[in-house]
All heavy atoms as atom14 arrays in JSON, in Angstrom:
{
  "sequence": "AIQVRDIAASARFYDAVLAPLGGKRTKVFGENVGY",
  "atom14_mask": [
    [1, 1, 1, 1, 1, 0, 0, 0, 0, 0, 0, 0, 0, 0],
    [1, 1, 1, 1, 1, 1, 1, 1, 0, 0, 0, 0, 0, 0],
    [1, 1, 1, 1, 1, 1, 1, 1, 1, 0, 0, 0, 0, 0],
    [1, 1, 1, 1, 1, 1, 1, 0, 0, 0, 0, 0, 0, 0],
    [1, 1, 1, 1, 1, 1, 1, 1, 1, 1, 1, 0, 0, 0],
    [1, 1, 1, 1, 1, 1, 1, 1, 0, 0, 0, 0, 0, 0],
    [1, 1, 1, 1, 1, 1, 1, 1, 0, 0, 0, 0, 0, 0],
    [1, 1, 1, 1, 1, 0, 0, 0, 0, 0, 0, 0, 0, 0],
    [1, 1, 1, 1, 1, 0, 0, 0, 0, 0, 0, 0, 0, 0],
    [1, 1, 1, 1, 1, 1, 0, 0, 0, 0, 0, 0, 0, 0],
    [1, 1, 1, 1, 1, 0, 0, 0, 0, 0, 0, 0, 0, 0],
    [1, 1, 1, 1, 1, 1, 1, 1, 1, 1, 1, 0, 0, 0],
    [1, 1, 1, 1, 1, 1, 1, 1, 1, 1, 1, 0, 0, 0],
    [1, 1, 1, 1, 1, 1, 1, 1, 1, 1, 1, 1, 0, 0],
    [1, 1, 1, 1, 1, 1, 1, 1, 0, 0, 0, 0, 0, 0],
    [1, 1, 1, 1, 1, 0, 0, 0, 0, 0, 0, 0, 0, 0],
    [1, 1, 1, 1, 1, 1, 1, 0, 0, 0, 0, 0, 0, 0],
    [1, 1, 1, 1, 1, 1, 1, 1, 0, 0, 0, 0, 0, 0],
    [1, 1, 1, 1, 1, 0, 0, 0, 0, 0, 0, 0, 0, 0],
    [1, 1, 1, 1, 1, 1, 1, 0, 0, 0, 0, 0, 0, 0],
    [1, 1, 1, 1, 1, 1, 1, 1, 0, 0, 0, 0, 0, 0],
    [1, 1, 1, 1, 0, 0, 0, 0, 0, 0, 0, 0, 0, 0],
    [1, 1, 1, 1, 0, 0, 0, 0, 0, 0, 0, 0, 0, 0],
    [1, 1, 1, 1, 1, 1, 1, 1, 1, 0, 0, 0, 0, 0],
    [1, 1, 1, 1, 1, 1, 1, 1, 1, 1, 1, 0, 0, 0],
    [1, 1, 1, 1, 1, 1, 1, 0, 0, 0, 0, 0, 0, 0],
    [1, 1, 1, 1, 1, 1, 1, 1, 1, 0, 0, 0, 0, 0],
    [1, 1, 1, 1, 1, 1, 1, 0, 0, 0, 0, 0, 0, 0],
    [1, 1, 1, 1, 1, 1, 1, 1, 1, 1, 1, 0, 0, 0],
    [1, 1, 1, 1, 0, 0, 0, 0, 0, 0, 0, 0, 0, 0],
    [1, 1, 1, 1, 1, 1, 1, 1, 1, 0, 0, 0, 0, 0],
    [1, 1, 1, 1, 1, 1, 1, 1, 0, 0, 0, 0, 0, 0],
    [1, 1, 1, 1, 1, 1, 1, 0, 0, 0, 0, 0, 0, 0],
    [1, 1, 1, 1, 0, 0, 0, 0, 0, 0, 0, 0, 0, 0],
    [1, 1, 1, 1, 1, 1, 1, 1, 1, 1, 1, 1, 0, 0]
  ],
  "atom14_positions": [
    [[84.45, -29.8, -156.99], [83.04, -29.54, -156.7], [82.86, -28.75, -155.35], [83.56, -29.11, -154.39], [82.28, -30.96, -156.51], [0.0, 0.0, 0.0], [0.0, 0.0, 0.0], [0.0, 0.0, 0.0], [0.0, 0.0, 0.0], [0.0, 0.0, 0.0], [0.0, 0.0, 0.0], [0.0, 0.0, 0.0], [0.0, 0.0, 0.0], [0.0, 0.0, 0.0]],
    [[81.95, -27.84, -155.4], [81.68, -27.09, -154.14], [80.2, -27.2, -153.95], [79.33, -27.19, -154.85], [82.19, -25.61, -154.28], [81.42, -24.83, -155.47], [83.62, -25.51, -154.41], [81.74, -23.33, -155.37], [0.0, 0.0, 0.0], [0.0, 0.0, 0.0], [0.0, 0.0, 0.0], [0.0, 0.0, 0.0], [0.0, 0.0, 0.0], [0.0, 0.0, 0.0]],
    [[79.86, -27.34, -152.61], [78.45, -27.39, -152.18], [77.9, -25.95, -152.08], [78.58, -25.01, -151.57], [78.29, -28.04, -150.77], [78.66, -29.52, -150.93], [78.44, -30.22, -149.58], [78.26, -29.61, -148.48], [78.25, -31.51, -149.59], [0.0, 0.0, 0.0], [0.0, 0.0, 0.0], [0.0, 0.0, 0.0], [0.0, 0.0, 0.0], [0.0, 0.0, 0.0]],
    [[76.66, -25.86, -152.63], [75.98, -24.53, -152.5], [74.63, -24.7, -151.97], [73.97, -25.78, -152.08], [75.94, -23.92, -153.97], [77.35, -23.66, -154.46], [75.12, -24.75, -155.04], [0.0, 0.0, 0.0], [0.0, 0.0, 0.0], [0.0, 0.0, 0.0], [0.0, 0.0, 0.0], [0.0, 0.0, 0.0], [0.0, 0.0, 0.0], [0.0, 0.0, 0.0]],
    [[74.05, -23.69, -151.36], [72.74, -23.73, -150.76], [71.63, -23.61, -151.78], [70.58, -24.25, -151.66], [72.58, -22.62, -149.68], [73.5, -22.77, -148.55], [72.82, -23.43, -147.48], [73.81, -23.83, -146.41], [74.0, -25.0, -145.96], [73.27, -25.97, -146.34], [74.9, -25.2, -145.04], [0.0, 0.0, 0.0], [0.0, 0.0, 0.0], [0.0, 0.0, 0.0]],
    [[71.84, -22.77, -152.87], [70.77, -22.51, -153.84], [71.44, -22.66, -155.18], [72.19, -21.76, -155.68], [70.23, -21.11, -153.6], [69.13, -20.72, -154.58], [69.03, -21.3, -155.67], [68.39, -19.83, -154.21], [0.0, 0.0, 0.0], [0.0, 0.0, 0.0], [0.0, 0.0, 0.0], [0.0, 0.0, 0.0], [0.0, 0.0, 0.0], [0.0, 0.0, 0.0]],
    [[71.27, -23.8, -155.81], [71.91, -24.07, -157.14], [71.57, -22.99, -158.15], [72.41, -22.52, -158.85], [71.41, -25.48, -157.65], [72.07, -26.59, -156.85], [71.75, -25.66, -159.19], [73.51, -26.9, -157.15], [0.0, 0.0, 0.0], [0.0, 0.0, 0.0], [0.0, 0.0, 0.0], [0.0, 0.0, 0.0], [0.0, 0.0, 0.0], [0.0, 0.0, 0.0]],
    [[70.21, -22.58, -158.26], [69.96, -21.64, -159.3], [70.6, -20.26, -158.99], [71.19, -19.66, -159.98], [68.38, -21.37, -159.3], [0.0, 0.0, 0.0], [0.0, 0.0, 0.0], [0.0, 0.0, 0.0], [0.0, 0.0, 0.0], [0.0, 0.0, 0.0], [0.0, 0.0, 0.0], [0.0, 0.0, 0.0], [0.0, 0.0, 0.0], [0.0, 0.0, 0.0]],
    [[70.67, -19.75, -157.77], [71.27, -18.53, -157.52], [72.83, -18.55, -157.79], [73.43, -17.76, -158.41], [71.07, -18.09, -156.09], [0.0, 0.0, 0.0], [0.0, 0.0, 0.0], [0.0, 0.0, 0.0], [0.0, 0.0, 0.0], [0.0, 0.0, 0.0], [0.0, 0.0, 0.0], [0.0, 0.0, 0.0], [0.0, 0.0, 0.0], [0.0, 0.0, 0.0]],
    [[73.4, -19.67, -157.37], [74.88, -19.9, -157.54], [75.14, -20.06, -159.03], [76.21, -19.48, -159.5], [75.36, -21.08, -156.77], [75.34, -20.8, -155.44], [0.0, 0.0, 0.0], [0.0, 0.0, 0.0], [0.0, 0.0, 0.0], [0.0, 0.0, 0.0], [0.0, 0.0, 0.0], [0.0, 0.0, 0.0], [0.0, 0.0, 0.0], [0.0, 0.0, 0.0]],
    [[74.37, -20.72, -159.78], [74.6, -20.93, -161.19], [74.52, -19.51, -161.95], [75.33, -19.19, -162.8], [73.57, -21.81, -161.86], [0.0, 0.0, 0.0], [0.0, 0.0, 0.0], [0.0, 0.0, 0.0], [0.0, 0.0, 0.0], [0.0, 0.0, 0.0], [0.0, 0.0, 0.0], [0.0, 0.0, 0.0], [0.0, 0.0, 0.0], [0.0, 0.0, 0.0]],
    [[73.54, -18.61, -161.54], [73.42, -17.38, -162.14], [74.71, -16.57, -161.86], [75.25, -15.82, -162.7], [72.18, -16.55, -161.58], [70.89, -17.02, -162.24], [69.76, -16.05, -161.86], [69.57, -15.95, -160.41], [68.85, -16.8, -159.71], [68.23, -17.77, -160.23], [68.72, -16.52, -158.37], [0.0, 0.0, 0.0], [0.0, 0.0, 0.0], [0.0, 0.0, 0.0]],
    [[75.25, -16.65, -160.59], [76.43, -15.97, -160.22], [77.67, -16.4, -161.08], [78.35, -15.6, -161.59], [76.74, -16.1, -158.72], [78.02, -15.64, -158.27], [78.18, -14.29, -158.0], [79.15, -16.42, -158.16], [79.39, -13.76, -157.53], [80.33, -15.95, -157.68], [80.49, -14.64, -157.43], [0.0, 0.0, 0.0], [0.0, 0.0, 0.0], [0.0, 0.0, 0.0]],
    [[77.9, -17.73, -161.15], [78.95, -18.27, -161.9], [78.85, -18.11, -163.38], [79.88, -17.91, -164.04], [79.28, -19.75, -161.48], [79.97, -19.77, -160.17], [79.27, -20.07, -158.92], [81.26, -19.55, -160.04], [79.9, -20.08, -157.74], [81.99, -19.55, -158.82], [81.24, -19.85, -157.64], [81.91, -19.85, -156.43], [0.0, 0.0, 0.0], [0.0, 0.0, 0.0]],
    [[77.61, -18.06, -163.85], [77.42, -17.75, -165.3], [78.02, -16.36, -165.56], [78.67, -16.19, -166.56], [75.93, -17.8, -165.67], [75.26, -19.07, -165.76], [75.95, -20.07, -165.81], [74.0, -19.12, -165.72], [0.0, 0.0, 0.0], [0.0, 0.0, 0.0], [0.0, 0.0, 0.0], [0.0, 0.0, 0.0], [0.0, 0.0, 0.0], [0.0, 0.0, 0.0]],
    [[77.71, -15.43, -164.72], [78.1, -14.05, -164.87], [79.63, -13.89, -164.71], [80.24, -13.21, -165.53], [77.32, -13.1, -163.97], [0.0, 0.0, 0.0], [0.0, 0.0, 0.0], [0.0, 0.0, 0.0], [0.0, 0.0, 0.0], [0.0, 0.0, 0.0], [0.0, 0.0, 0.0], [0.0, 0.0, 0.0], [0.0, 0.0, 0.0], [0.0, 0.0, 0.0]],
    [[80.18, -14.41, -163.62], [81.6, -14.04, -163.29], [82.57, -14.92, -164.13], [83.69, -14.49, -164.27], [81.85, -14.16, -161.79], [81.0, -13.24, -161.04], [81.87, -15.55, -161.31], [0.0, 0.0, 0.0], [0.0, 0.0, 0.0], [0.0, 0.0, 0.0], [0.0, 0.0, 0.0], [0.0, 0.0, 0.0], [0.0, 0.0, 0.0], [0.0, 0.0, 0.0]],
    [[82.22, -16.06, -164.56], [83.14, -16.87, -165.42], [83.16, -16.43, -166.86], [84.2, -16.63, -167.52], [82.81, -18.39, -165.27], [83.02, -18.89, -163.84], [82.66, -20.4, -163.84], [84.45, -18.73, -163.38], [0.0, 0.0, 0.0], [0.0, 0.0, 0.0], [0.0, 0.0, 0.0], [0.0, 0.0, 0.0], [0.0, 0.0, 0.0], [0.0, 0.0, 0.0]],
    [[82.17, -15.79, -167.31], [82.13, -15.34, -168.82], [83.36, -14.5, -169.13], [83.96, -14.79, -170.12], [80.82, -14.65, -169.06], [0.0, 0.0, 0.0], [0.0, 0.0, 0.0], [0.0, 0.0, 0.0], [0.0, 0.0, 0.0], [0.0, 0.0, 0.0], [0.0, 0.0, 0.0], [0.0, 0.0, 0.0], [0.0, 0.0, 0.0], [0.0, 0.0, 0.0]],
    [[83.73, -13.46, -168.31], [84.85, -12.65, -168.72], [86.16, -13.49, -168.69], [87.15, -13.04, -169.3], [84.96, -11.61, -167.64], [83.56, -11.48, -167.01], [83.04, -12.94, -167.16], [0.0, 0.0, 0.0], [0.0, 0.0, 0.0], [0.0, 0.0, 0.0], [0.0, 0.0, 0.0], [0.0, 0.0, 0.0], [0.0, 0.0, 0.0], [0.0, 0.0, 0.0]],
    [[86.13, -14.59, -168.07], [87.4, -15.49, -167.96], [87.4, -16.57, -169.03], [88.22, -17.46, -169.05], [87.54, -16.1, -166.58], [87.53, -15.12, -165.43], [87.58, -15.81, -164.09], [88.68, -14.1, -165.58], [0.0, 0.0, 0.0], [0.0, 0.0, 0.0], [0.0, 0.0, 0.0], [0.0, 0.0, 0.0], [0.0, 0.0, 0.0], [0.0, 0.0, 0.0]],
    [[86.39, -16.61, -169.85], [86.22, -17.6, -170.94], [85.55, -18.86, -170.43], [85.45, -19.85, -171.21], [0.0, 0.0, 0.0], [0.0, 0.0, 0.0], [0.0, 0.0, 0.0], [0.0, 0.0, 0.0], [0.0, 0.0, 0.0], [0.0, 0.0, 0.0], [0.0, 0.0, 0.0], [0.0, 0.0, 0.0], [0.0, 0.0, 0.0], [0.0, 0.0, 0.0]],
    [[85.02, -18.88, -169.26], [84.32, -20.04, -168.71], [82.86, -19.91, -169.0], [82.28, -18.88, -169.17], [0.0, 0.0, 0.0], [0.0, 0.0, 0.0], [0.0, 0.0, 0.0], [0.0, 0.0, 0.0], [0.0, 0.0, 0.0], [0.0, 0.0, 0.0], [0.0, 0.0, 0.0], [0.0, 0.0, 0.0], [0.0, 0.0, 0.0], [0.0, 0.0, 0.0]],
    [[82.2, -21.1, -169.02], [80.82, -21.16, -169.27], [80.17, -22.48, -168.69], [80.88, -23.36, -168.34], [80.44, -21.05, -170.79], [81.0, -22.3, -171.56], [80.72, -22.14, -173.0], [81.34, -23.33, -173.7], [81.52, -23.12, -175.08], [0.0, 0.0, 0.0], [0.0, 0.0, 0.0], [0.0, 0.0, 0.0], [0.0, 0.0, 0.0], [0.0, 0.0, 0.0]],
    [[78.89, -22.46, -168.52], [78.2, -23.69, -168.13], [78.37, -24.72, -169.22], [77.97, -24.49, -170.35], [76.69, -23.33, -167.9], [76.0, -24.39, -167.1], [74.54, -24.05, -166.98], [74.25, -22.74, -166.25], [73.05, -22.53, -165.6], [72.15, -23.39, -165.6], [72.91, -21.32, -165.1], [0.0, 0.0, 0.0], [0.0, 0.0, 0.0], [0.0, 0.0, 0.0]],
    [[78.87, -25.83, -168.86], [79.12, -26.9, -169.9], [78.28, -28.17, -169.67], [78.21, -28.94, -170.61], [80.6, -27.34, -169.8], [80.96, -27.71, -168.5], [81.57, -26.17, -170.25], [0.0, 0.0, 0.0], [0.0, 0.0, 0.0], [0.0, 0.0, 0.0], [0.0, 0.0, 0.0], [0.0, 0.0, 0.0], [0.0, 0.0, 0.0], [0.0, 0.0, 0.0]],
    [[77.68, -28.36, -168.53], [76.94, -29.52, -168.31], [75.97, -29.41, -167.14], [76.35, -28.72, -166.23], [77.75, -30.79, -168.11], [77.01, -32.07, -168.1], [77.99, -33.21, -168.07], [77.25, -34.49, -168.17], [77.59, -35.39, -169.32], [0.0, 0.0, 0.0], [0.0, 0.0, 0.0], [0.0, 0.0, 0.0], [0.0, 0.0, 0.0], [0.0, 0.0, 0.0]],
    [[74.78, -29.96, -167.29], [73.85, -30.07, -166.16], [73.6, -31.59, -166.01], [73.22, -32.25, -166.95], [72.58, -29.29, -166.41], [71.54, -29.56, -165.23], [72.81, -27.84, -166.58], [0.0, 0.0, 0.0], [0.0, 0.0, 0.0], [0.0, 0.0, 0.0], [0.0, 0.0, 0.0], [0.0, 0.0, 0.0], [0.0, 0.0, 0.0], [0.0, 0.0, 0.0]],
    [[73.87, -32.06, -164.74], [73.73, -33.49, -164.47], [72.88, -33.58, -163.25], [73.36, -33.38, -162.16], [75.11, -34.13, -164.29], [75.11, -35.61, -164.05], [74.78, -36.5, -165.1], [75.33, -36.06, -162.81], [74.82, -37.81, -164.85], [75.35, -37.5, -162.57], [75.04, -38.33, -163.59], [0.0, 0.0, 0.0], [0.0, 0.0, 0.0], [0.0, 0.0, 0.0]],
    [[71.64, -33.85, -163.44], [70.66, -33.87, -162.29], [70.66, -32.45, -161.74], [70.37, -31.5, -162.54], [0.0, 0.0, 0.0], [0.0, 0.0, 0.0], [0.0, 0.0, 0.0], [0.0, 0.0, 0.0], [0.0, 0.0, 0.0], [0.0, 0.0, 0.0], [0.0, 0.0, 0.0], [0.0, 0.0, 0.0], [0.0, 0.0, 0.0], [0.0, 0.0, 0.0]],
    [[70.89, -32.33, -160.45], [70.86, -30.97, -159.84], [72.25, -30.36, -159.97], [72.41, -29.13, -159.63], [70.5, -31.05, -158.33], [69.04, -31.4, -158.07], [68.79, -31.41, -156.62], [68.58, -30.32, -156.06], [68.81, -32.44, -155.95], [0.0, 0.0, 0.0], [0.0, 0.0, 0.0], [0.0, 0.0, 0.0], [0.0, 0.0, 0.0], [0.0, 0.0, 0.0]],
    [[73.28, -31.01, -160.37], [74.63, -30.53, -160.45], [74.82, -29.71, -161.67], [74.3, -30.05, -162.77], [75.61, -31.66, -160.36], [75.36, -32.56, -159.19], [75.08, -32.07, -158.08], [75.55, -33.85, -159.33], [0.0, 0.0, 0.0], [0.0, 0.0, 0.0], [0.0, 0.0, 0.0], [0.0, 0.0, 0.0], [0.0, 0.0, 0.0], [0.0, 0.0, 0.0]],
    [[75.64, -28.64, -161.61], [75.95, -27.75, -162.71], [77.47, -27.71, -162.89], [78.13, -27.39, -161.96], [75.34, -26.36, -162.52], [75.69, -25.42, -163.72], [73.93, -26.39, -162.34], [0.0, 0.0, 0.0], [0.0, 0.0, 0.0], [0.0, 0.0, 0.0], [0.0, 0.0, 0.0], [0.0, 0.0, 0.0], [0.0, 0.0, 0.0], [0.0, 0.0, 0.0]],
    [[77.93, -28.03, -164.08], [79.37, -28.0, -164.46], [79.77, -26.81, -165.27], [78.95, -26.36, -166.06], [0.0, 0.0, 0.0], [0.0, 0.0, 0.0], [0.0, 0.0, 0.0], [0.0, 0.0, 0.0], [0.0, 0.0, 0.0], [0.0, 0.0, 0.0], [0.0, 0.0, 0.0], [0.0, 0.0, 0.0], [0.0, 0.0, 0.0], [0.0, 0.0, 0.0]],
    [[80.94, -26.35, -164.98], [81.56, -25.16, -165.72], [82.91, -25.56, -166.23], [83.6, -26.36, -165.62], [81.65, -23.99, -164.77], [80.38, -23.38, -164.46], [79.54, -23.8, -163.37], [79.81, -22.38, -165.22], [78.34, -23.36, -163.09], [78.59, -21.79, -164.93], [77.84, -22.29, -163.9], [76.68, -21.79, -163.59], [0.0, 0.0, 0.0], [0.0, 0.0, 0.0]]
  ]
}
Protein backbone atom coordinates (compact mmCIF):
# COMPACT_ATOMS: atom_id res chain seq x y z
CA ALA A 1 0.00 0.00 0.00
CA ILE A 2 1.26 3.47 -0.84
CA GLN A 3 -0.06 6.74 0.54
CA VAL A 4 -1.20 9.29 -2.01
CA ARG A 5 -2.34 12.92 -1.69
CA ASP A 6 -5.17 12.74 -4.26
CA ILE A 7 -6.82 9.33 -4.62
CA ALA A 8 -8.70 10.29 -7.81
CA ALA A 9 -5.60 11.68 -9.59
CA SER A 10 -3.45 8.75 -8.55
CA ALA A 11 -6.13 6.24 -9.55
CA ARG A 12 -6.34 7.81 -13.04
CA PHE A 13 -2.54 7.58 -13.32
CA TYR A 14 -2.37 3.93 -12.24
CA ASP A 15 -5.39 3.01 -14.41
CA ALA A 16 -3.42 4.28 -17.42
CA VAL A 17 0.08 2.98 -16.66
CA LEU A 18 -0.87 -0.48 -15.38
CA ALA A 19 -3.09 -1.34 -18.36
CA PRO A 20 -0.13 -2.06 -20.70
CA LEU A 21 1.26 -4.40 -18.02
CA GLY A 22 -1.99 -6.34 -17.66
CA GLY A 23 -2.96 -4.63 -14.40
CA LYS A 24 -6.29 -3.06 -13.62
CA ARG A 25 -8.37 -1.62 -10.81
CA THR A 26 -9.67 -4.67 -8.94
CA LYS A 27 -11.35 -3.26 -5.83
CA VAL A 28 -12.50 -0.07 -4.17
CA PHE A 29 -12.75 -0.31 -0.39
CA GLY A 30 -13.84 2.96 1.16
CA GLU A 31 -11.33 5.54 -0.09
CA ASN A 32 -8.75 2.84 -0.91
CA VAL A 33 -8.23 1.61 -4.47
CA GLY A 34 -6.73 -1.82 -5.22
CA TYR A 35 -4.93 -2.98 -8.37
